[in-house]
Amino acid sequence: MPQANPVRKHLSKVFLQTLASLFAIPLIALAFSHYVLATQDAAFMRRVDMQIPADAQMSSEQQQEALAWYHAHPLSSACDDNDEKDKEFHEKACEEYAMRWQFHWTERSAIMTLVLGVALLATALALGALAFVNRGLRYVSFVAGWRLMTLASAVEVVLQSSMVVWLSFWLTAYFWERYFVKLVAIAGIAAALAAFYAIWMLFKKSALDGRIEGELVTPADAPLLWSAVQASATRVKTAAPDHIVAGIDTNFFVTEAPCVVQGRTIKGRTLFISIPLLRVLSKQEADAVLAHELAHLGGGDTRSSALLGPKLKQFDQYTWRMHGGGLTLVAHYLLRLYRMIFSFALARDSREREYLADRVAAGLTAPQAIVHSLIKISAYAQYRDQVERRLFEQDRQHGATLGISSFVAAGLHPYATSPDFIETMRGASVPHPYDSHPPLRERMRNVGFPVEEERYGAIVTAVPPATWVDDIPVAGALEGRLWTAYEQRFNEEHLRSLAYRYEPKNAEELAIVLRYFPALTFAVGKGDHITVSHDALHADADGGQPILWDQIKQIQYKESSFGNTATVTLVDRGTSKKVDRKIKLRGMGKQQEAAFKAAINRYWQRHQVMRAQQA
């Protein structure tokens, strides 16, 4: 029996995952809230139907009139009733923040979320279909989809995260008349983890806005390299690059889009070369890679990808980082579905362009050279990513010098001979900022030089007799500067993430937390202050007694002509008893109050992320 098309099967799977991510949580919230409201309506009407006819003080006509009114105004409609004459009924039946008020607005939010989900799904399918027409419409489709999908999916994450936290409390509270602090905490932490993931997303920097992390290499800096590139361009029958930029990213690429290098905007044809990769490639292997990139210039590929390529990379990075953030899966599957549909439109062109460039490189050098270079680049990129991920996940402060390049150089060969290496390489593709490359195995078959998996390790560990780095006099100093700057950024973002992770437990950890979350003091009333710190709130008017973040269940703000207030609901972790403490915000201006609320949200978020990390 023939097997199902794996691409179609995968698309079907992602489509079903998208449906689940968009509709499962809001459907549960809608069904639950509708059930509770309908149950309350029925119970209320039973009481009305029994009590009004039994009221001897009312005439028969008054009883009928009252029954008709209540039947026309069920409790569930109170929150929508804006009639002035029914104001008293509305205020009693739909008291702000009370149970019925919460269920009413949850029901409305669930309906709104479902409608948004349907609209997003329809839009993704329509824009994806539009991309099949031609290159011009493909670009318009992707730009519109990129902006709309990322923004709308973020809204979906916020809405559904709120529903998860709300359901974690009310499902047990309604059916069993009790709630479980741990369950609510887990749901709250799941929502807060999205913020922690944002820290990691901030770290990764790439050429998304035209900036290239590297330095220009002029013909005077590396005359032999320039001569080789110009000779290769002649053989490929294309004009040579106008610029060569050297960096430490794990890829090679060409672009005709304007680029910013060291604050300087350059235009024309730009070739990016990776110094770390040149160190592991032989000259022939590097020549094959350069010929491949020059073939893209000759084929006009860079002109069409100059606009679209960087946006594709940014979209892909955003989509896949949403995969690891818990509730951010709501965004991931929708974005992934749209990207898959769009990818089919690109596939007809991009695969042939890559295959053609590989064949050109194989013809100018040797099939073995291009294949070996692909294996080495894939292995190096994956191992460096592992090294950086392990360093970033460490819960201790790094020294001023990380030595990432040394870690990778020392560990690459052991990694290539490890048991997990082959399994990792099976799904490998060569990293590239502007193209979606075919899998490694397919590219080998394309040039007629397949390599058995058992030989991958030997290819990666083979030390080249000579490399192009030897003929680039400025390579060592240039690479040192770039690694220093890169590690400084890495350290800074790692410290920022530690500020979210630490409780803190000692002076060193406290210093890191206070670097990003210092105590903020806001003036209120006559000489009183409220201080927001990483571990508590302190209000002078309340005796300065700290309100620990661990005690806080929620904070509600109320505006009044007599002065705004913040009501802090505290929960005793031992008895689960709740106590409200009011903090007067009188005397705060609008801007100061907005800053106060923003600080509360940010520091509370940090605390939630920290507790999740501790767990």
Foldseek 3Di string as FASTA:
>chain_A
DDDPDVLVVVLVVLVVLLCCLQQVLLVVLQVVLVVVLVVQQVVVLVCLVPPLVVDPVDDPVRSVVVNVVCVVPTLLCLCVDPDPVCVVVSCVSQPPPDDSVVSSVSNVLSVVSNVLSVVLLVLLVVLLVQLQPDLVSLLVSLVVNLVVLVVSLVVSLVSSLVSLLVCQAPVCCPPVVGHDPVSSLVSNLLSLLLVLLVLVLVLDDDCLPQEHLFAWQDCVQFVVVQVLQCVLLVLLVHHGWPTETEAAALDKAKAQAWHAYPNDTDGGIYIYDHLLLLQQAAALLVSLRSQLRSNCRVVVVRVSLNSPQSSLLVLVSVLVSLVPRRSSSSSNSSSVSSVSSSVVSVVVPQAVSNLVSNQRSCVVGNLVSNLLSFLQSQLLNVQLVVLLVVVLPDLDADDLDDPSSVVSVVCSLVLLPDPCNLVVLVQTGHDDRGGDYDRSQVSSVSNPHGDDSVCSSVSNPDRHPDGCCVSRVCSVVRHVVSSSVSVVSSSVSSLVSSLLADPDDDPVSVVSVCVPFNWDWDDADDRWIWIDGLFFIATVVVVRDTDGLVFFDDWDWDDDPVFIKIWTWGADPVPRDIDIDIHTRHPDDPVRVVVVVVSVVVSSSSNSNNVVNVD
